[in-house]
Amino acid sequence: MGGCHVVVLPYPGRGHINPLMNLCKLLVSWSSDDLLITFVVTEEWLGFIGFEPKPANIRFRTIPDVLPSELVRGADMPSFIDAVLTKMEEPFEQLLDRLEQPPTIIMADVFVLCAVNVGNRRNIPVAAVWPMPVSVFSIFYHFDLLVQNQHYPFDVSGTQTS
């Protein structure tokens, strides 16, 4: 198969995987048959989403489960985030070596920083995607204003202060 090969690497969380998959489905619906999308997830995530209907030119590929399970990650989010930042790069790069067609571009969740490292080493362009609502981006972007205007830290106990 010639044409464009997009390798997609979402952050391994439901609020990131679903939006990126929806974006991929839109891309293939607007393109001709020369677009191939390889959607990369962990083996555990493939078990969660592997049976969902998808267009023929979107295929799943997996990296090993190098992260804490999705089922228990909430108990220790800092360790999960650390694992995403430190343990996904090597298996992702090894997966790229096994692909039949080299990637034209890597499209990665903005929180999966290793994709940029891999793309730079291999001279593959990387498109960083923000899969969450723009309002969340705005909060992150303007976080300094929350602190400056004393809106953070805030009382989350539910009691009213006057």
N, C-alpha and C. Protein backbone atom coordinates (compact mmCIF):
# COMPACT_ATOMS: atom_id res chain seq x y z
N MET A 1 0.85 -1.18 0.00
CA MET A 1 0.00 0.00 0.00
C MET A 1 0.89 1.23 0.00
N GLY A 2 0.70 2.12 -0.93
CA GLY A 2 1.41 3.39 -0.96
C GLY A 2 0.61 4.42 -0.20
N GLY A 3 0.92 5.66 -0.38
CA GLY A 3 0.12 6.72 0.22
C GLY A 3 0.59 7.09 1.61
N CYS A 4 -0.31 7.65 2.36
CA CYS A 4 -0.01 8.20 3.68
C CYS A 4 -0.27 7.16 4.77
N HIS A 5 0.72 6.98 5.63
CA HIS A 5 0.58 6.07 6.77
C HIS A 5 0.72 6.88 8.05
N VAL A 6 -0.38 7.03 8.78
CA VAL A 6 -0.41 7.78 10.04
C VAL A 6 -0.36 6.77 11.18
N VAL A 7 0.64 6.92 12.04
CA VAL A 7 0.70 6.10 13.26
C VAL A 7 0.21 6.97 14.39
N VAL A 8 -0.81 6.50 15.09
CA VAL A 8 -1.48 7.27 16.13
C VAL A 8 -1.15 6.66 17.50
N LEU A 9 -0.67 7.52 18.40
CA LEU A 9 -0.33 7.06 19.75
C LEU A 9 -1.09 7.91 20.77
N PRO A 10 -2.23 7.39 21.26
CA PRO A 10 -2.99 8.14 22.27
C PRO A 10 -2.41 7.93 23.67
N TYR A 11 -2.70 8.86 24.54
CA TYR A 11 -2.44 8.66 25.96
C TYR A 11 -3.37 7.52 26.39
N PRO A 12 -2.87 6.59 27.21
CA PRO A 12 -3.68 5.41 27.54
C PRO A 12 -4.77 5.69 28.57
N GLY A 13 -5.77 6.43 28.17
CA GLY A 13 -6.92 6.71 29.03
C GLY A 13 -8.15 6.92 28.16
N ARG A 14 -9.30 6.56 28.69
CA ARG A 14 -10.55 6.59 27.92
C ARG A 14 -10.83 7.97 27.33
N GLY A 15 -10.60 9.03 28.08
CA GLY A 15 -10.86 10.37 27.58
C GLY A 15 -9.87 10.83 26.54
N HIS A 16 -8.88 10.01 26.23
CA HIS A 16 -7.89 10.32 25.21
C HIS A 16 -8.01 9.37 24.03
N ILE A 17 -8.21 8.08 24.32
CA ILE A 17 -8.30 7.08 23.25
C ILE A 17 -9.56 7.30 22.41
N ASN A 18 -10.69 7.46 23.04
CA ASN A 18 -11.94 7.63 22.28
C ASN A 18 -11.92 8.84 21.36
N PRO A 19 -11.50 10.03 21.83
CA PRO A 19 -11.47 11.17 20.90
C PRO A 19 -10.50 10.97 19.74
N LEU A 20 -9.33 10.35 20.01
CA LEU A 20 -8.39 10.14 18.90
C LEU A 20 -8.92 9.11 17.90
N MET A 21 -9.61 8.09 18.40
CA MET A 21 -10.21 7.12 17.47
C MET A 21 -11.29 7.80 16.64
N ASN A 22 -12.08 8.65 17.26
CA ASN A 22 -13.11 9.37 16.50
C ASN A 22 -12.48 10.27 15.45
N LEU A 23 -11.38 10.92 15.77
CA LEU A 23 -10.66 11.74 14.79
C LEU A 23 -10.16 10.88 13.64
N CYS A 24 -9.62 9.73 13.95
CA CYS A 24 -9.13 8.82 12.90
C CYS A 24 -10.27 8.37 11.99
N LYS A 25 -11.41 8.06 12.56
CA LYS A 25 -12.56 7.66 11.75
C LYS A 25 -12.99 8.80 10.82
N LEU A 26 -12.95 10.02 11.32
CA LEU A 26 -13.27 11.18 10.46
C LEU A 26 -12.25 11.32 9.33
N LEU A 27 -10.98 11.18 9.66
CA LEU A 27 -9.93 11.31 8.64
C LEU A 27 -10.12 10.31 7.50
N VAL A 28 -10.38 9.05 7.86
CA VAL A 28 -10.53 8.05 6.80
C VAL A 28 -11.84 8.23 6.04
N SER A 29 -12.85 8.81 6.68
CA SER A 29 -14.11 9.04 5.95
C SER A 29 -13.96 10.15 4.92
N TRP A 30 -13.01 11.05 5.13
CA TRP A 30 -12.79 12.17 4.21
C TRP A 30 -11.73 11.88 3.17
N SER A 31 -11.03 10.77 3.32
CA SER A 31 -9.88 10.51 2.44
C SER A 31 -10.20 9.40 1.45
N SER A 32 -9.29 9.25 0.53
CA SER A 32 -9.39 8.12 -0.39
C SER A 32 -8.80 6.89 0.28
N ASP A 33 -8.73 5.80 -0.45
CA ASP A 33 -8.24 4.55 0.12
C ASP A 33 -6.74 4.52 0.34
N ASP A 34 -6.02 5.60 0.00
CA ASP A 34 -4.57 5.58 0.16
C ASP A 34 -4.12 6.06 1.54
N LEU A 35 -5.04 6.18 2.49
CA LEU A 35 -4.70 6.55 3.86
C LEU A 35 -4.79 5.31 4.74
N LEU A 36 -3.70 4.99 5.41
CA LEU A 36 -3.66 3.89 6.37
C LEU A 36 -3.37 4.49 7.74
N ILE A 37 -4.16 4.09 8.73
CA ILE A 37 -3.94 4.54 10.09
C ILE A 37 -3.65 3.33 10.96
N THR A 38 -2.51 3.39 11.65
CA THR A 38 -2.15 2.37 12.64
C THR A 38 -2.36 2.99 14.01
N PHE A 39 -3.30 2.46 14.75
CA PHE A 39 -3.68 2.98 16.06
C PHE A 39 -3.01 2.12 17.13
N VAL A 40 -2.11 2.72 17.90
CA VAL A 40 -1.27 1.98 18.84
C VAL A 40 -1.82 2.10 20.26
N VAL A 41 -2.09 0.96 20.87
CA VAL A 41 -2.57 0.90 22.25
C VAL A 41 -1.81 -0.20 22.99
N THR A 42 -1.96 -0.23 24.30
CA THR A 42 -1.39 -1.34 25.06
C THR A 42 -2.23 -2.59 24.83
N GLU A 43 -1.67 -3.74 25.17
CA GLU A 43 -2.41 -4.99 25.02
C GLU A 43 -3.70 -4.96 25.84
N GLU A 44 -3.62 -4.38 27.05
CA GLU A 44 -4.82 -4.29 27.88
C GLU A 44 -5.89 -3.46 27.18
N TRP A 45 -5.50 -2.32 26.61
CA TRP A 45 -6.48 -1.46 25.95
C TRP A 45 -7.07 -2.12 24.72
N LEU A 46 -6.29 -2.92 24.02
CA LEU A 46 -6.86 -3.63 22.87
C LEU A 46 -7.97 -4.56 23.33
N GLY A 47 -7.82 -5.15 24.51
CA GLY A 47 -8.89 -5.99 25.06
C GLY A 47 -10.16 -5.20 25.34
N PHE A 48 -10.01 -3.92 25.67
CA PHE A 48 -11.18 -3.08 25.94
C PHE A 48 -11.86 -2.62 24.66
N ILE A 49 -11.08 -2.30 23.62
CA ILE A 49 -11.65 -1.66 22.42
C ILE A 49 -11.51 -2.46 21.15
N GLY A 50 -10.85 -3.59 21.19
CA GLY A 50 -10.52 -4.33 19.99
C GLY A 50 -11.69 -4.80 19.15
N PHE A 51 -12.87 -4.89 19.76
CA PHE A 51 -14.03 -5.39 19.03
C PHE A 51 -14.95 -4.28 18.55
N GLU A 52 -14.57 -3.03 18.83
CA GLU A 52 -15.37 -1.89 18.36
C GLU A 52 -15.29 -1.82 16.83
N PRO A 53 -16.38 -1.50 16.15
CA PRO A 53 -16.32 -1.39 14.69
C PRO A 53 -15.44 -0.22 14.27
N LYS A 54 -14.68 -0.45 13.22
CA LYS A 54 -13.81 0.58 12.68
C LYS A 54 -13.64 0.36 11.19
N PRO A 55 -13.29 1.42 10.46
CA PRO A 55 -13.07 1.26 9.02
C PRO A 55 -11.89 0.32 8.74
N ALA A 56 -11.89 -0.26 7.56
CA ALA A 56 -10.86 -1.24 7.20
C ALA A 56 -9.46 -0.64 7.16
N ASN A 57 -9.34 0.65 6.86
CA ASN A 57 -7.99 1.21 6.77
C ASN A 57 -7.51 1.80 8.10
N ILE A 58 -8.18 1.44 9.20
CA ILE A 58 -7.66 1.69 10.54
C ILE A 58 -7.36 0.32 11.14
N ARG A 59 -6.13 0.15 11.57
CA ARG A 59 -5.76 -1.13 12.18
C ARG A 59 -5.15 -0.88 13.55
N PHE A 60 -5.33 -1.84 14.42
CA PHE A 60 -4.75 -1.77 15.76
C PHE A 60 -3.40 -2.47 15.78
N ARG A 61 -2.47 -1.91 16.52
CA ARG A 61 -1.21 -2.56 16.85
C ARG A 61 -0.98 -2.29 18.33
N THR A 62 -0.29 -3.21 18.99
CA THR A 62 -0.13 -3.08 20.43
C THR A 62 1.33 -2.99 20.84
N ILE A 63 1.51 -2.31 21.98
CA ILE A 63 2.76 -2.39 22.71
C ILE A 63 2.46 -3.20 23.96
N PRO A 64 3.47 -3.79 24.58
CA PRO A 64 3.21 -4.58 25.80
C PRO A 64 2.63 -3.72 26.92
N ASP A 65 2.04 -4.38 27.89
CA ASP A 65 1.48 -3.70 29.05
C ASP A 65 2.60 -3.27 29.99
N VAL A 66 3.24 -2.16 29.66
CA VAL A 66 4.34 -1.63 30.47
C VAL A 66 3.83 -0.63 31.51
N LEU A 67 2.53 -0.42 31.55
CA LEU A 67 1.92 0.55 32.46
C LEU A 67 1.08 -0.18 33.50
N PRO A 68 0.84 0.46 34.65
CA PRO A 68 -0.12 -0.14 35.59
C PRO A 68 -1.48 -0.30 34.90
N SER A 69 -2.22 -1.29 35.32
CA SER A 69 -3.51 -1.59 34.70
C SER A 69 -4.47 -0.40 34.80
N GLU A 70 -5.25 -0.22 33.76
CA GLU A 70 -6.30 0.80 33.74
C GLU A 70 -7.27 0.59 34.90
N LEU A 71 -7.43 -0.64 35.34
CA LEU A 71 -8.40 -0.97 36.38
C LEU A 71 -7.97 -0.51 37.77
N VAL A 72 -6.66 -0.24 37.96
CA VAL A 72 -6.17 0.18 39.28
C VAL A 72 -5.36 1.47 39.24
N ARG A 73 -5.25 2.08 38.09
CA ARG A 73 -4.36 3.24 37.98
C ARG A 73 -4.76 4.41 38.86
N GLY A 74 -6.05 4.55 39.15
CA GLY A 74 -6.52 5.65 39.98
C GLY A 74 -5.98 5.60 41.40
N ALA A 75 -5.57 4.42 41.86
CA ALA A 75 -5.03 4.29 43.21
C ALA A 75 -3.66 4.95 43.34
N ASP A 76 -2.94 5.08 42.23
CA ASP A 76 -1.61 5.69 42.26
C ASP A 76 -1.35 6.40 40.94
N MET A 77 -2.05 7.50 40.72
CA MET A 77 -1.91 8.24 39.45
C MET A 77 -0.49 8.73 39.19
N PRO A 78 0.25 9.21 40.20
CA PRO A 78 1.62 9.66 39.91
C PRO A 78 2.48 8.56 39.30
N SER A 79 2.35 7.32 39.79
CA SER A 79 3.13 6.21 39.22
C SER A 79 2.68 5.90 37.79
N PHE A 80 1.37 6.02 37.54
CA PHE A 80 0.87 5.77 36.19
C PHE A 80 1.43 6.81 35.22
N ILE A 81 1.36 8.07 35.60
CA ILE A 81 1.87 9.15 34.73
C ILE A 81 3.37 8.98 34.51
N ASP A 82 4.10 8.62 35.56
CA ASP A 82 5.54 8.39 35.42
C ASP A 82 5.81 7.25 34.43
N ALA A 83 5.01 6.20 34.51
CA ALA A 83 5.19 5.07 33.59
C ALA A 83 4.92 5.49 32.14
N VAL A 84 3.89 6.31 31.93
CA VAL A 84 3.61 6.80 30.58
C VAL A 84 4.81 7.59 30.05
N LEU A 85 5.40 8.40 30.91
CA LEU A 85 6.52 9.26 30.49
C LEU A 85 7.82 8.49 30.31
N THR A 86 7.98 7.34 30.98
CA THR A 86 9.28 6.66 30.96
C THR A 86 9.29 5.27 30.33
N LYS A 87 8.13 4.62 30.21
CA LYS A 87 8.13 3.22 29.78
C LYS A 87 7.52 2.95 28.41
N MET A 88 6.92 3.93 27.79
CA MET A 88 6.26 3.69 26.50
C MET A 88 7.18 3.87 25.30
N GLU A 89 8.24 4.65 25.45
CA GLU A 89 9.07 5.01 24.30
C GLU A 89 9.72 3.81 23.64
N GLU A 90 10.39 2.97 24.41
CA GLU A 90 11.10 1.83 23.82
C GLU A 90 10.16 0.86 23.09
N PRO A 91 9.05 0.42 23.72
CA PRO A 91 8.17 -0.49 22.97
C PRO A 91 7.52 0.17 21.76
N PHE A 92 7.24 1.48 21.83
CA PHE A 92 6.69 2.17 20.68
C PHE A 92 7.70 2.18 19.53
N GLU A 93 8.94 2.46 19.84
CA GLU A 93 9.96 2.47 18.79
C GLU A 93 10.16 1.07 18.20
N GLN A 94 10.12 0.07 19.03
CA GLN A 94 10.24 -1.31 18.53
C GLN A 94 9.06 -1.67 17.63
N LEU A 95 7.88 -1.20 17.97
CA LEU A 95 6.71 -1.44 17.13
C LEU A 95 6.90 -0.79 15.76
N LEU A 96 7.42 0.43 15.71
CA LEU A 96 7.66 1.09 14.42
C LEU A 96 8.60 0.27 13.55
N ASP A 97 9.58 -0.39 14.16
CA ASP A 97 10.52 -1.24 13.40
C ASP A 97 9.81 -2.43 12.76
N ARG A 98 8.70 -2.88 13.34
CA ARG A 98 7.99 -4.06 12.85
C ARG A 98 6.90 -3.75 11.83
N LEU A 99 6.58 -2.49 11.61
CA LEU A 99 5.51 -2.14 10.68
C LEU A 99 5.91 -2.46 9.25
N GLU A 100 4.93 -2.92 8.47
CA GLU A 100 5.18 -3.26 7.07
C GLU A 100 5.46 -2.02 6.24
N GLN A 101 4.80 -0.93 6.56
CA GLN A 101 4.95 0.33 5.83
C GLN A 101 5.45 1.39 6.81
N PRO A 102 6.52 2.09 6.46
CA PRO A 102 7.01 3.11 7.38
C PRO A 102 6.01 4.25 7.53
N PRO A 103 5.96 4.86 8.71
CA PRO A 103 5.02 5.95 8.92
C PRO A 103 5.40 7.20 8.13
N THR A 104 4.38 7.87 7.63
CA THR A 104 4.55 9.17 7.00
C THR A 104 4.56 10.24 8.06
N ILE A 105 3.74 10.03 9.10
CA ILE A 105 3.61 10.98 10.20
C ILE A 105 3.17 10.22 11.44
N ILE A 106 3.57 10.73 12.60
CA ILE A 106 3.08 10.22 13.88
C ILE A 106 2.12 11.26 14.42
N MET A 107 0.92 10.82 14.79
CA MET A 107 -0.05 11.70 15.43
C MET A 107 -0.18 11.20 16.86
N ALA A 108 0.23 12.04 17.81
CA ALA A 108 0.26 11.59 19.20
C ALA A 108 -0.47 12.56 20.11
N ASP A 109 -1.03 11.99 21.14
CA ASP A 109 -1.62 12.80 22.20
C ASP A 109 -0.52 13.71 22.76
N VAL A 110 -0.86 14.93 23.06
CA VAL A 110 0.11 15.90 23.53
C VAL A 110 0.78 15.46 24.84
N PHE A 111 0.15 14.57 25.60
CA PHE A 111 0.71 14.10 26.86
C PHE A 111 1.65 12.90 26.68
N VAL A 112 1.80 12.39 25.46
CA VAL A 112 2.72 11.28 25.21
C VAL A 112 3.98 11.87 24.56
N LEU A 113 4.84 12.40 25.41
CA LEU A 113 6.01 13.14 24.95
C LEU A 113 7.01 12.26 24.19
N CYS A 114 7.03 10.98 24.47
CA CYS A 114 8.01 10.11 23.81
C CYS A 114 7.82 10.07 22.30
N ALA A 115 6.62 10.33 21.82
CA ALA A 115 6.39 10.31 20.37
C ALA A 115 7.24 11.35 19.65
N VAL A 116 7.44 12.50 20.28
CA VAL A 116 8.27 13.54 19.69
C VAL A 116 9.73 13.08 19.65
N ASN A 117 10.19 12.45 20.72
CA ASN A 117 11.57 11.93 20.74
C ASN A 117 11.79 10.92 19.62
N VAL A 118 10.86 9.99 19.49
CA VAL A 118 10.97 8.95 18.46
C VAL A 118 10.91 9.58 17.07
N GLY A 119 9.97 10.48 16.86
CA GLY A 119 9.86 11.14 15.56
C GLY A 119 11.12 11.91 15.20
N ASN A 120 11.68 12.62 16.15
CA ASN A 120 12.91 13.36 15.89
C ASN A 120 14.06 12.44 15.52
N ARG A 121 14.21 11.33 16.25
CA ARG A 121 15.30 10.38 15.95
C ARG A 121 15.15 9.77 14.56
N ARG A 122 13.90 9.57 14.14
CA ARG A 122 13.65 8.89 12.87
C ARG A 122 13.31 9.85 11.73
N ASN A 123 13.33 11.12 12.00
CA ASN A 123 13.01 12.13 10.99
C ASN A 123 11.58 11.94 10.45
N ILE A 124 10.66 11.66 11.38
CA ILE A 124 9.23 11.52 11.05
C ILE A 124 8.52 12.70 11.70
N PRO A 125 7.75 13.47 10.94
CA PRO A 125 7.00 14.57 11.55
C PRO A 125 6.01 14.04 12.59
N VAL A 126 5.82 14.84 13.64
CA VAL A 126 4.89 14.47 14.71
C VAL A 126 3.86 15.58 14.85
N ALA A 127 2.59 15.19 14.81
CA ALA A 127 1.50 16.12 15.07
C ALA A 127 0.99 15.85 16.48
N ALA A 128 1.09 16.84 17.35
CA ALA A 128 0.59 16.70 18.71
C ALA A 128 -0.87 17.11 18.74
N VAL A 129 -1.71 16.25 19.31
CA VAL A 129 -3.15 16.47 19.32
C VAL A 129 -3.62 16.66 20.76
N TRP A 130 -4.41 17.70 20.98
CA TRP A 130 -5.06 17.93 22.27
C TRP A 130 -6.46 17.35 22.17
N PRO A 131 -6.72 16.18 22.78
CA PRO A 131 -8.01 15.51 22.58
C PRO A 131 -9.12 15.94 23.53
N MET A 132 -8.81 16.84 24.43
CA MET A 132 -9.81 17.25 25.42
C MET A 132 -10.46 18.56 24.98
N PRO A 133 -11.54 18.95 25.67
CA PRO A 133 -12.21 20.20 25.30
C PRO A 133 -11.28 21.41 25.43
N VAL A 134 -11.55 22.41 24.62
CA VAL A 134 -10.73 23.62 24.63
C VAL A 134 -10.80 24.31 25.98
N SER A 135 -11.88 24.15 26.72
CA SER A 135 -11.98 24.76 28.04
C SER A 135 -10.92 24.21 28.99
N VAL A 136 -10.61 22.92 28.88
CA VAL A 136 -9.55 22.32 29.70
C VAL A 136 -8.20 22.90 29.30
N PHE A 137 -7.98 23.05 28.01
CA PHE A 137 -6.74 23.66 27.54
C PHE A 137 -6.61 25.08 28.09
N SER A 138 -7.69 25.83 28.08
CA SER A 138 -7.67 27.20 28.57
C SER A 138 -7.32 27.26 30.05
N ILE A 139 -7.83 26.32 30.83
CA ILE A 139 -7.49 26.28 32.26
C ILE A 139 -6.00 26.02 32.44
N PHE A 140 -5.46 25.05 31.73
CA PHE A 140 -4.02 24.78 31.82
C PHE A 140 -3.21 26.00 31.37
N TYR A 141 -3.61 26.57 30.27
CA TYR A 141 -2.87 27.68 29.69
C TYR A 141 -2.86 28.90 30.60
N HIS A 142 -3.98 29.14 31.29
CA HIS A 142 -4.11 30.32 32.13
C HIS A 142 -4.01 30.00 33.62
N PHE A 143 -3.40 28.89 33.95
CA PHE A 143 -3.33 28.47 35.35
C PHE A 143 -2.66 29.53 36.22
N ASP A 144 -1.67 30.22 35.68
CA ASP A 144 -1.00 31.26 36.45
C ASP A 144 -1.98 32.34 36.91
N LEU A 145 -3.00 32.60 36.11
CA LEU A 145 -4.01 33.60 36.49
C LEU A 145 -4.87 33.11 37.65
N LEU A 146 -5.14 31.81 37.70
CA LEU A 146 -5.88 31.27 38.83
C LEU A 146 -5.11 31.50 40.13
N VAL A 147 -3.81 31.27 40.09
CA VAL A 147 -2.97 31.48 41.26
C VAL A 147 -2.89 32.98 41.58
N GLN A 148 -2.61 33.77 40.56
CA GLN A 148 -2.46 35.21 40.74
C GLN A 148 -3.71 35.85 41.34
N ASN A 149 -4.88 35.41 40.94
CA ASN A 149 -6.14 35.96 41.43
C ASN A 149 -6.69 35.21 42.64
N GLN A 150 -5.86 34.37 43.20
CA GLN A 150 -6.17 33.61 44.42
C GLN A 150 -7.40 32.72 44.27
N HIS A 151 -7.58 32.15 43.08
CA HIS A 151 -8.64 31.16 42.86
C HIS A 151 -8.10 29.74 43.06
N TYR A 152 -6.80 29.65 43.25
CA TYR A 152 -6.15 28.37 43.50
C TYR A 152 -5.04 28.62 44.50
N PRO A 153 -4.79 27.82 45.50
CA PRO A 153 -5.57 26.62 45.80
C PRO A 153 -6.95 26.97 46.31
N PHE A 154 -7.86 26.04 46.18
CA PHE A 154 -9.23 26.31 46.57
C PHE A 154 -9.68 25.25 47.57
N ASP A 155 -10.74 25.55 48.27
CA ASP A 155 -11.28 24.66 49.27
C ASP A 155 -12.23 23.68 48.58
N VAL A 156 -11.86 22.40 48.61
CA VAL A 156 -12.69 21.38 47.96
C VAL A 156 -13.54 20.60 48.99
N SER A 157 -13.56 21.07 50.23
CA SER A 157 -14.29 20.35 51.28
C SER A 157 -15.79 20.48 51.13
N GLY A 158 -16.25 21.49 50.38
CA GLY A 158 -17.68 21.69 50.20
C GLY A 158 -18.25 22.68 51.20
N THR A 159 -17.44 23.10 52.13
CA THR A 159 -17.92 24.10 53.09
C THR A 159 -17.75 25.48 52.49
N GLN A 160 -18.68 26.34 52.81
CA GLN A 160 -18.64 27.69 52.29
C GLN A 160 -17.78 28.55 53.20
N THR A 161 -16.96 29.38 52.55
CA THR A 161 -16.17 30.32 53.33
C THR A 161 -16.65 31.72 52.98
N SER A 162 -16.70 32.59 54.00
CA SER A 162 -17.13 33.95 53.71
C SER A 162 -16.20 34.96 54.32
